[in-house]
Protein backbone atom coordinates (compact mmCIF):
# COMPACT_ATOMS: atom_id res chain seq x y z
CA MET A 1 -18.53 -28.03 -22.60
CA ILE A 2 -15.71 -27.47 -20.32
CA ARG A 3 -17.33 -26.32 -17.68
CA VAL A 4 -14.91 -24.20 -15.41
CA LEU A 5 -15.01 -21.88 -11.88
CA THR A 6 -13.11 -19.50 -11.90
CA ALA A 7 -11.83 -18.19 -7.99
CA ASP A 8 -10.17 -14.50 -7.52
CA ASP A 9 -10.75 -11.82 -4.92
CA HIS A 10 -10.75 -9.29 -7.70
CA GLN A 11 -14.06 -8.82 -9.60
CA VAL A 12 -12.51 -7.28 -12.58
CA VAL A 13 -10.30 -10.40 -12.89
CA ARG A 14 -13.23 -12.71 -12.85
CA LEU A 15 -14.99 -10.56 -15.09
CA GLY A 16 -12.29 -10.38 -17.64
CA ILE A 17 -11.64 -14.30 -17.65
CA ALA A 18 -15.90 -14.25 -18.64
CA ALA A 19 -15.21 -12.49 -21.21
CA MET A 20 -12.20 -14.57 -22.55
CA ILE A 21 -14.18 -17.83 -21.75
CA ALA A 22 -17.45 -16.36 -23.67
CA ASN A 23 -15.62 -16.29 -26.85
CA GLU A 24 -15.02 -20.00 -26.73
CA THR A 25 -17.08 -22.12 -28.22
CA ASP A 26 -16.07 -25.12 -26.30
CA MET A 27 -15.87 -24.12 -22.34
CA THR A 28 -18.11 -21.83 -20.47
CA VAL A 29 -17.85 -20.64 -16.69
CA VAL A 30 -20.37 -22.09 -14.73
CA ALA A 31 -19.40 -20.24 -11.17
CA GLU A 32 -17.48 -17.76 -9.94
CA ALA A 33 -15.85 -17.12 -6.00
CA ALA A 34 -13.78 -14.63 -4.44
CA ASN A 35 -11.77 -16.63 -1.90
CA GLY A 36 -11.13 -19.91 -1.31
CA ALA A 37 -13.90 -20.93 1.21
CA GLU A 38 -16.29 -19.84 -1.60
CA ALA A 39 -13.97 -22.18 -4.47
CA VAL A 40 -14.55 -24.86 -2.20
CA ALA A 41 -17.76 -24.88 -2.03
CA GLN A 42 -18.83 -23.58 -5.48
CA TYR A 43 -16.84 -26.28 -6.69
CA VAL A 44 -19.46 -28.92 -4.55
CA THR A 45 -22.42 -26.86 -5.69
CA HIS A 46 -21.35 -27.08 -9.62
CA ARG A 47 -18.64 -29.79 -9.70
CA PRO A 48 -17.06 -28.22 -12.63
CA ASP A 49 -14.63 -29.62 -15.28
CA LEU A 50 -11.73 -27.32 -14.23
CA VAL A 51 -11.00 -24.81 -11.78
CA LEU A 52 -8.99 -21.42 -12.53
CA MET A 53 -7.44 -20.45 -9.23
CA ASP A 54 -5.83 -17.62 -7.67
CA LEU A 55 -3.23 -18.28 -5.15
CA ARG A 56 -3.49 -15.18 -2.35
CA MET A 57 -6.91 -14.40 -1.58
CA PRO A 58 -8.78 -13.13 1.77
CA GLY A 59 -9.43 -15.49 4.20
CA VAL A 60 -8.83 -19.36 2.66
CA ASP A 61 -6.00 -18.88 0.33
CA GLY A 62 -6.00 -20.71 -3.23
CA VAL A 63 -3.25 -23.45 -2.13
CA THR A 64 -5.56 -24.57 0.58
CA ALA A 65 -8.50 -24.65 -1.32
CA ILE A 66 -6.54 -26.85 -4.03
CA ARG A 67 -5.90 -28.92 -1.06
CA THR A 68 -9.42 -29.12 0.28
CA ILE A 69 -11.20 -29.02 -3.00
CA ARG A 70 -8.56 -32.35 -4.07
CA GLY A 71 -9.03 -34.09 -0.82
CA LEU A 72 -13.00 -34.19 -1.87
CA ASP A 73 -12.21 -35.18 -5.36
CA PRO A 74 -9.05 -36.41 -5.97
CA LYS A 75 -9.81 -36.03 -9.98
CA ALA A 76 -10.49 -32.59 -9.74
CA LYS A 77 -8.52 -30.34 -12.03
CA VAL A 78 -7.04 -26.80 -10.65
CA VAL A 79 -5.24 -24.75 -12.68
CA ALA A 80 -3.29 -22.18 -10.40
CA LEU A 81 -3.38 -18.72 -12.00
CA THR A 82 -1.59 -16.13 -10.29
CA THR A 83 0.81 -13.11 -10.29
CA TYR A 84 3.08 -15.02 -7.98
CA GLU A 85 6.07 -16.69 -9.71
CA GLY A 86 8.41 -17.75 -7.28
CA ASP A 87 9.76 -21.66 -6.81
CA ALA A 88 8.60 -21.47 -3.43
CA ASP A 89 4.49 -20.67 -4.68
CA ILE A 90 4.96 -23.26 -7.47
CA HIS A 91 5.81 -26.21 -5.37
CA ARG A 92 3.28 -25.53 -3.20
CA ALA A 93 0.55 -25.44 -5.80
CA LEU A 94 2.00 -28.37 -7.60
CA THR A 95 1.89 -30.58 -4.08
CA ALA A 96 -1.19 -29.08 -3.16
CA GLY A 97 -2.76 -31.53 -6.87
CA ALA A 98 -2.68 -28.20 -9.31
CA SER A 99 -2.56 -29.34 -12.78
CA ALA A 100 -1.05 -25.88 -13.95
CA TYR A 101 0.57 -23.56 -12.47
CA LEU A 102 0.10 -20.23 -15.29
CA LEU A 103 0.88 -16.45 -14.96
CA LYS A 104 -2.03 -13.59 -15.10
CA ASP A 105 0.34 -12.15 -17.99
CA MET A 106 0.54 -14.75 -20.41
CA LEU A 107 -1.37 -14.48 -23.61
CA VAL A 108 -4.70 -15.02 -24.21
CA ALA A 109 -4.10 -18.11 -26.60
CA GLU A 110 -2.23 -19.52 -24.27
CA LEU A 111 -4.86 -19.63 -21.22
CA VAL A 112 -7.34 -21.19 -23.41
CA GLY A 113 -5.24 -23.81 -24.74
CA ALA A 114 -4.13 -24.79 -21.40
CA ILE A 115 -7.79 -24.80 -20.19
CA ARG A 116 -8.39 -27.04 -22.95
CA ASN A 117 -4.88 -29.21 -21.95
CA VAL A 118 -5.63 -30.05 -18.49
CA ALA A 119 -9.78 -30.85 -19.57
CA ALA A 120 -7.88 -33.27 -21.19
CA GLY A 121 -6.28 -34.90 -18.53
CA GLU A 122 -2.44 -33.23 -19.09
CA LEU A 123 -0.28 -31.36 -16.45
CA VAL A 124 0.87 -27.78 -17.79
CA ILE A 125 3.89 -25.89 -17.03
CA PRO A 126 4.93 -23.06 -18.68
CA ALA A 127 8.89 -23.00 -19.48
CA ALA A 128 9.06 -19.60 -17.46
CA VAL A 129 7.95 -21.79 -14.43
CA ALA A 130 9.52 -25.27 -15.34
CA ILE A 131 12.85 -22.68 -15.40
CA ALA A 132 12.17 -21.60 -11.94
CA LEU A 133 11.75 -24.78 -10.80
CA ALA A 134 14.61 -26.30 -12.35
CA GLU A 135 16.81 -23.71 -10.82
CA SER A 136 15.40 -24.36 -6.90
CA ALA A 137 15.87 -27.69 -7.53
CA ALA A 138 19.06 -28.30 -5.40
CA SER A 139 17.96 -25.34 -2.69
CA VAL A 140 16.95 -26.57 0.85
CA ASP A 141 13.35 -25.62 2.52
CA LEU A 142 13.14 -23.61 5.25
CA SER A 143 11.16 -24.80 8.22
CA PRO A 144 8.09 -23.14 9.13
CA ARG A 145 9.35 -21.60 12.11
CA GLU A 146 12.44 -20.21 9.86
CA VAL A 147 9.59 -18.95 7.05
CA GLU A 148 8.07 -16.84 10.49
CA VAL A 149 11.25 -15.89 11.39
CA LEU A 150 11.35 -14.31 8.24
CA ARG A 151 8.44 -13.11 8.21
CA LEU A 152 9.11 -10.77 11.16
CA VAL A 153 12.35 -9.88 9.71
CA ALA A 154 11.01 -8.69 6.69
CA LYS A 155 8.56 -6.55 8.81
CA GLY A 156 11.51 -4.95 10.77
CA LEU A 157 11.70 -6.32 13.47
CA ARG A 158 14.61 -6.55 15.25
CA ASN A 159 15.97 -10.03 17.05
CA LYS A 160 14.32 -9.52 20.47
CA ASP A 161 11.57 -8.65 19.02
CA ILE A 162 10.63 -11.64 17.40
CA ALA A 163 12.04 -13.36 20.51
CA ARG A 164 8.71 -12.19 22.06
CA VAL A 165 6.71 -12.54 18.96
CA ILE A 166 7.76 -16.42 18.76
CA GLY A 167 7.77 -16.94 22.56
CA ARG A 168 11.71 -18.07 21.92
CA THR A 169 14.77 -16.57 23.43
CA THR A 170 16.99 -13.80 21.61
CA GLY A 171 19.53 -16.88 21.15
CA THR A 172 17.04 -19.25 19.82
CA VAL A 173 16.37 -16.28 17.13
CA LYS A 174 20.27 -15.90 16.19
CA SER A 175 20.55 -19.84 15.63
CA HIS A 176 17.45 -19.49 13.12
CA MET A 177 18.58 -16.82 11.23
CA LYS A 178 22.14 -18.68 11.13
CA SER A 179 20.12 -21.26 9.65
CA ILE A 180 18.48 -18.94 7.03
CA LEU A 181 21.35 -17.65 5.98
CA GLU A 182 23.33 -20.74 5.42
CA LYS A 183 20.50 -22.64 3.81
CA LEU A 184 19.54 -19.31 1.28
CA GLY A 185 23.09 -18.84 0.71
CA VAL A 186 22.94 -15.47 1.74
CA GLU A 187 25.36 -13.10 3.69
CA ASP A 188 23.13 -11.42 5.54
CA ARG A 189 19.18 -10.49 6.45
CA THR A 190 18.72 -7.74 3.71
CA GLU A 191 19.83 -10.16 1.07
CA ALA A 192 18.29 -13.25 3.16
CA VAL A 193 14.60 -11.04 2.64
CA THR A 194 15.30 -10.22 -0.53
CA LEU A 195 15.85 -13.54 -2.19
CA ALA A 196 12.63 -14.88 0.10
CA LEU A 197 10.82 -12.61 -1.59
CA GLN A 198 12.05 -13.57 -5.08
CA ARG A 199 11.08 -17.11 -4.65
CA GLY A 200 7.63 -16.78 -3.06
CA ILE A 201 9.00 -18.22 0.26
CA ILE A 202 7.69 -15.17 1.55
CA HIS A 203 5.19 -12.28 0.73
CA LEU A 204 5.22 -8.60 1.80
CA GLU A 205 1.52 -8.84 2.87
CA ASP A 206 2.17 -11.87 4.59
């Protein structure tokens, strides 16, 4: 019997997963969590065979929870189950220690199969996810400061406002923006924000 912990901030998603798993004879949901902190606590309490982890949750996010759980138990099997399909999201989850990266719109049969495969020790990367990773293989990562600047640009802040927020000069912000445009291979701020959202480098709720 595969013992599963589900972590998602939407109760309807957790209920849907529980109902799906209830139809399978070889798996069961042993615990649920509404955020990353709860997921870690429930993992410690129940030691499930596998965790289905949403990435975007309030407080402690899914990537941080994956990293924490894997730190507590290097053999832990965690499946990232999310709506985000940008390559940056995928990289973060896999680097944190996820054994699979699945999208919530996948078929029930595919999700159930993936759970079984990961529980058996396999790494599961669907074709669409693999393509996103391959297409970005040669891309240059933005620095944490550049990501912060890009988030502020996405919120509509001008350079002088960004400089005030991050405690740097306007000239420094312009330098960051030049680097961002070069790394992303775009011509202006609008293109940079659009591409960053598509890749999952930033999100509108950040």
